[in-house]
N, C-alpha and C. Protein backbone atom coordinates (compact mmCIF):
# COMPACT_ATOMS: atom_id res chain seq x y z
N UNK A 1 -29.63 -30.12 152.20
CA UNK A 1 -28.38 -30.92 152.45
C UNK A 1 -28.38 -31.97 152.73
N UNK A 2 -28.13 -33.32 151.97
CA UNK A 2 -28.10 -34.48 152.58
C UNK A 2 -27.22 -34.88 153.45
N UNK A 3 -26.02 -34.41 153.52
CA UNK A 3 -25.19 -34.93 154.45
C UNK A 3 -24.57 -33.38 155.12
N UNK A 4 -23.71 -33.77 156.43
CA UNK A 4 -23.13 -32.69 156.67
C UNK A 4 -21.82 -33.36 157.43
N UNK A 5 -20.68 -32.58 157.47
CA UNK A 5 -19.43 -32.77 158.17
C UNK A 5 -19.13 -32.15 159.46
N UNK A 6 -19.35 -32.26 160.40
CA UNK A 6 -19.09 -31.31 161.45
C UNK A 6 -18.38 -32.07 162.62
N UNK A 7 -18.26 -31.42 163.73
CA UNK A 7 -17.38 -31.71 164.78
C UNK A 7 -18.73 -32.69 165.74
N UNK A 8 -18.42 -33.64 165.93
CA UNK A 8 -19.32 -34.65 166.61
C UNK A 8 -18.85 -34.53 168.47
N UNK A 9 -20.12 -34.07 169.01
CA UNK A 9 -19.85 -33.89 170.38
C UNK A 9 -20.56 -35.35 171.53
N UNK A 10 -19.61 -35.50 172.36
CA UNK A 10 -19.87 -36.89 173.34
C UNK A 10 -21.14 -36.49 174.03
N UNK A 11 -22.31 -37.52 174.24
CA UNK A 11 -23.33 -37.42 175.28
C UNK A 11 -23.12 -38.05 176.24
N UNK A 12 -23.48 -37.38 177.16
CA UNK A 12 -23.65 -38.12 178.67
C UNK A 12 -24.65 -39.65 178.67
N UNK A 13 -24.26 -40.49 178.72
CA UNK A 13 -25.10 -41.67 178.73
C UNK A 13 -26.65 -41.89 179.55
N UNK A 14 -26.32 -41.23 180.73
CA UNK A 14 -27.26 -40.90 181.45
C UNK A 14 -28.15 -39.77 181.31
N UNK A 15 -27.68 -38.62 180.98
CA UNK A 15 -28.61 -37.62 181.26
C UNK A 15 -29.00 -36.90 179.70
N UNK A 16 -27.84 -37.58 178.77
CA UNK A 16 -28.00 -37.01 177.30
C UNK A 16 -27.36 -35.45 176.98
N UNK A 17 -27.06 -35.21 178.14
CA UNK A 17 -26.41 -34.03 178.12
C UNK A 17 -25.33 -34.20 177.20
N UNK A 18 -24.87 -32.82 176.55
CA UNK A 18 -23.34 -32.79 176.05
C UNK A 18 -22.37 -32.73 176.96
N UNK A 19 -21.30 -33.08 176.94
CA UNK A 19 -19.94 -33.43 177.79
C UNK A 19 -19.11 -32.53 177.49
N UNK A 20 -19.07 -31.64 176.53
CA UNK A 20 -17.77 -30.80 176.02
C UNK A 20 -16.79 -31.54 175.17
N UNK A 21 -16.89 -32.81 175.38
CA UNK A 21 -15.78 -33.64 174.71
C UNK A 21 -16.04 -33.76 173.24
N UNK A 22 -15.04 -33.90 172.35
CA UNK A 22 -15.10 -34.56 170.90
C UNK A 22 -15.10 -35.85 170.86
N UNK A 23 -16.25 -36.16 169.88
CA UNK A 23 -15.80 -37.60 169.62
C UNK A 23 -15.37 -37.79 168.43
N UNK A 24 -14.08 -38.28 168.20
CA UNK A 24 -13.45 -38.78 166.70
C UNK A 24 -12.80 -37.50 166.39
N UNK A 25 -12.35 -37.29 164.98
CA UNK A 25 -11.37 -35.93 164.58
C UNK A 25 -12.06 -35.00 164.84
N UNK A 26 -11.99 -33.56 165.20
CA UNK A 26 -12.64 -32.75 164.80
C UNK A 26 -12.14 -32.29 163.53
N UNK A 27 -13.40 -31.43 163.30
CA UNK A 27 -13.43 -31.04 161.59
C UNK A 27 -12.80 -29.69 162.02
N UNK A 28 -11.52 -29.36 162.27
CA UNK A 28 -10.56 -28.32 162.19
C UNK A 28 -9.35 -28.31 161.79
N UNK A 29 -8.79 -27.27 160.92
CA UNK A 29 -7.48 -27.52 160.32
C UNK A 29 -7.33 -28.64 159.57
N UNK A 30 -6.26 -29.79 159.73
CA UNK A 30 -6.03 -30.96 159.30
C UNK A 30 -7.09 -31.74 159.39
N UNK A 31 -7.62 -31.89 160.35
CA UNK A 31 -9.24 -32.28 160.70
C UNK A 31 -10.02 -32.27 159.59
N UNK A 32 -10.01 -31.30 159.14
CA UNK A 32 -11.13 -30.88 158.16
C UNK A 32 -10.66 -31.96 156.76
N UNK A 33 -9.42 -32.13 156.60
CA UNK A 33 -8.76 -32.83 155.31
C UNK A 33 -9.21 -34.37 155.79
N UNK A 34 -8.95 -34.90 157.04
CA UNK A 34 -9.21 -36.45 157.47
C UNK A 34 -10.52 -36.49 157.24
N UNK A 35 -11.42 -35.57 157.68
CA UNK A 35 -13.09 -35.96 157.76
C UNK A 35 -13.63 -36.11 156.11
N UNK A 36 -13.17 -34.92 155.23
CA UNK A 36 -13.22 -35.35 154.01
C UNK A 36 -13.00 -36.52 153.66
N UNK A 37 -11.57 -37.00 153.59
CA UNK A 37 -10.77 -38.34 153.02
C UNK A 37 -11.84 -39.32 153.56
N UNK A 38 -12.33 -39.44 154.90
CA UNK A 38 -13.08 -40.37 155.26
C UNK A 38 -14.17 -40.59 154.67
N UNK A 39 -14.76 -39.22 154.39
CA UNK A 39 -16.40 -39.41 153.77
C UNK A 39 -16.24 -39.85 152.41
N UNK A 40 -14.87 -39.62 151.60
CA UNK A 40 -15.01 -40.21 150.59
C UNK A 40 -14.48 -41.45 150.43
N UNK A 41 -13.86 -41.71 151.15
CA UNK A 41 -13.44 -43.46 151.43
C UNK A 41 -14.45 -44.33 151.53
N UNK A 42 -15.30 -43.69 152.66
CA UNK A 42 -16.64 -44.70 152.57
C UNK A 42 -17.54 -44.61 151.11
N UNK A 43 -17.24 -43.98 150.16
CA UNK A 43 -17.93 -44.03 148.86
C UNK A 43 -17.06 -44.31 147.99
N UNK A 44 -15.80 -45.21 148.05
CA UNK A 44 -14.38 -45.66 147.46
C UNK A 44 -13.97 -44.77 146.34
N UNK A 45 -13.76 -43.34 146.71
CA UNK A 45 -13.75 -42.27 146.14
C UNK A 45 -12.28 -41.72 147.22
N UNK A 46 -11.58 -40.75 146.30
CA UNK A 46 -10.67 -39.96 147.23
C UNK A 46 -10.38 -38.61 146.42
N UNK A 47 -9.90 -37.45 146.98
CA UNK A 47 -9.67 -36.34 146.47
C UNK A 47 -9.26 -36.35 144.81
N UNK A 48 -8.62 -37.51 144.30
CA UNK A 48 -8.08 -37.40 142.88
C UNK A 48 -9.16 -37.61 141.92
N UNK A 49 -9.95 -38.50 142.66
CA UNK A 49 -11.16 -38.60 141.71
C UNK A 49 -12.46 -37.80 141.63
N UNK A 50 -12.54 -36.72 142.61
CA UNK A 50 -13.64 -35.67 142.30
C UNK A 50 -13.15 -34.26 142.05
N UNK A 51 -14.24 -33.71 141.85
CA UNK A 51 -13.99 -32.07 141.42
C UNK A 51 -14.67 -31.54 142.90
N UNK A 52 -13.90 -30.76 143.44
CA UNK A 52 -14.61 -30.50 144.70
C UNK A 52 -14.12 -28.49 144.51
N UNK A 53 -15.00 -27.90 145.42
CA UNK A 53 -15.04 -26.42 145.56
C UNK A 53 -14.89 -26.56 147.16
N UNK A 54 -14.31 -25.73 147.84
CA UNK A 54 -14.22 -25.24 149.04
C UNK A 54 -14.22 -23.91 149.35
N UNK A 55 -15.01 -23.15 149.98
CA UNK A 55 -15.11 -21.43 150.30
C UNK A 55 -14.65 -21.53 151.56
N UNK A 56 -13.66 -20.44 152.17
CA UNK A 56 -13.31 -20.26 153.29
C UNK A 56 -12.41 -18.85 153.61
N UNK A 57 -12.51 -18.45 154.91
CA UNK A 57 -12.20 -16.73 155.25
C UNK A 57 -10.87 -17.23 156.08
N UNK A 58 -10.46 -18.42 156.45
CA UNK A 58 -9.48 -18.45 157.39
C UNK A 58 -8.24 -19.07 157.18
N UNK A 59 -7.35 -18.68 157.53
CA UNK A 59 -5.96 -19.49 157.46
C UNK A 59 -6.32 -20.86 157.80
N UNK A 60 -7.00 -21.11 158.73
CA UNK A 60 -7.34 -22.50 159.55
C UNK A 60 -7.62 -23.43 158.67
N UNK A 61 -8.27 -23.06 157.83
CA UNK A 61 -8.93 -24.21 156.60
C UNK A 61 -7.95 -24.10 155.25
N UNK A 62 -6.44 -23.37 155.28
CA UNK A 62 -5.39 -23.68 154.47
C UNK A 62 -5.26 -25.38 154.19
N UNK A 63 -5.32 -25.90 154.84
CA UNK A 63 -4.79 -27.70 154.58
C UNK A 63 -6.20 -28.18 153.49
N UNK A 64 -7.15 -27.78 153.67
CA UNK A 64 -8.23 -28.27 152.91
C UNK A 64 -8.35 -27.32 151.63
N UNK A 65 -8.10 -26.36 151.76
CA UNK A 65 -8.01 -25.26 150.74
C UNK A 65 -7.16 -26.21 149.53
N UNK A 66 -5.89 -26.29 149.98
CA UNK A 66 -4.79 -26.95 149.25
C UNK A 66 -5.36 -28.14 148.48
N UNK A 67 -6.26 -29.34 149.13
CA UNK A 67 -6.83 -30.26 148.81
C UNK A 67 -7.63 -30.21 147.66
N UNK A 68 -8.39 -29.20 147.57
CA UNK A 68 -9.51 -29.15 146.86
C UNK A 68 -9.43 -28.62 145.59
N UNK A 69 -10.09 -28.82 144.43
CA UNK A 69 -9.94 -28.55 143.25
C UNK A 69 -10.01 -27.13 142.81
N UNK A 70 -11.15 -26.51 143.40
CA UNK A 70 -11.39 -25.21 143.26
C UNK A 70 -11.37 -24.57 144.95
N UNK A 71 -10.21 -23.89 145.35
CA UNK A 71 -10.50 -23.36 146.44
C UNK A 71 -10.62 -21.68 145.86
N UNK A 72 -11.51 -21.23 147.13
CA UNK A 72 -12.06 -20.08 146.92
C UNK A 72 -11.70 -19.55 148.20
N UNK A 73 -10.99 -18.09 148.75
CA UNK A 73 -11.08 -17.39 149.61
C UNK A 73 -12.01 -16.88 149.89
N UNK A 74 -12.83 -16.52 150.45
CA UNK A 74 -14.00 -15.62 150.66
C UNK A 74 -13.97 -14.75 151.82
N UNK A 75 -13.91 -13.52 152.05
CA UNK A 75 -13.78 -12.26 152.72
C UNK A 75 -12.45 -12.74 153.65
N UNK A 76 -11.28 -13.26 152.92
CA UNK A 76 -10.32 -13.97 153.88
C UNK A 76 -9.57 -12.86 154.90
N UNK A 77 -8.83 -13.36 155.67
CA UNK A 77 -8.03 -12.90 156.60
C UNK A 77 -7.05 -12.53 155.92
N UNK A 78 -6.25 -11.59 156.53
CA UNK A 78 -4.90 -10.97 155.66
C UNK A 78 -4.18 -12.08 155.24
N UNK A 79 -3.97 -13.36 156.05
CA UNK A 79 -2.80 -14.45 155.98
C UNK A 79 -3.25 -15.14 154.76
N UNK A 80 -4.61 -15.45 154.86
CA UNK A 80 -5.12 -16.17 153.74
C UNK A 80 -5.26 -15.42 152.40
N UNK A 81 -5.57 -14.08 152.50
CA UNK A 81 -5.62 -13.40 151.06
C UNK A 81 -4.01 -13.25 150.68
N UNK A 82 -2.92 -13.05 151.42
CA UNK A 82 -1.71 -13.25 150.75
C UNK A 82 -1.46 -14.47 149.82
N UNK A 83 -2.02 -15.60 150.76
CA UNK A 83 -1.62 -16.93 150.38
C UNK A 83 -2.53 -17.12 148.84
N UNK A 84 -3.41 -17.00 149.02
CA UNK A 84 -4.46 -16.86 147.83
C UNK A 84 -3.94 -15.84 146.92
N UNK A 85 -3.52 -14.64 146.74
CA UNK A 85 -3.23 -13.84 145.71
C UNK A 85 -1.84 -14.51 145.28
N UNK A 86 -1.15 -15.16 145.94
CA UNK A 86 0.45 -15.49 145.59
C UNK A 86 0.18 -17.16 144.58
N UNK A 87 -0.98 -17.77 144.96
CA UNK A 87 -1.21 -18.83 144.50
C UNK A 87 -2.18 -19.02 143.43
N UNK A 88 -2.74 -17.74 143.18
CA UNK A 88 -3.66 -17.54 141.92
C UNK A 88 -5.02 -18.01 142.26
N UNK A 89 -5.50 -18.23 143.47
CA UNK A 89 -6.86 -18.63 143.79
C UNK A 89 -7.88 -17.66 143.96
N UNK A 90 -8.93 -18.12 143.45
CA UNK A 90 -10.32 -16.79 143.50
C UNK A 90 -10.46 -16.56 144.76
N UNK A 91 -10.48 -15.20 144.85
CA UNK A 91 -10.94 -14.52 146.25
C UNK A 91 -12.52 -13.74 145.87
N UNK A 92 -13.20 -14.04 146.69
CA UNK A 92 -14.69 -13.49 146.71
C UNK A 92 -14.81 -12.64 147.88
N UNK A 93 -14.80 -11.15 147.67
CA UNK A 93 -15.10 -10.10 148.96
C UNK A 93 -16.61 -10.17 148.60
N UNK A 94 -17.62 -10.23 149.89
CA UNK A 94 -19.02 -10.30 149.88
C UNK A 94 -19.30 -9.03 150.48
N UNK A 95 -18.38 -8.68 151.47
CA UNK A 95 -18.99 -7.38 152.26
C UNK A 95 -17.53 -7.12 153.09
């Protein structure tokens, strides 16, 4: 994996220890969409120009699932399973 989008944590400049604070936009719910949009924009792209696949098990990821070309609900929670079924998204039950 050459790149990773994740939550960036703040380090204390003196001790180097993590403070528990988040630096920038957290990659959670709508924040995941923002972070992917920023990543794409840094490459002069947007969602309309790329084919994307996103796997998730949680309703919390609905904003990014809705933006991606190929949303896949993987071992989805009850609410996500209902939405995925209604929208005809692929559902992958691994265990």
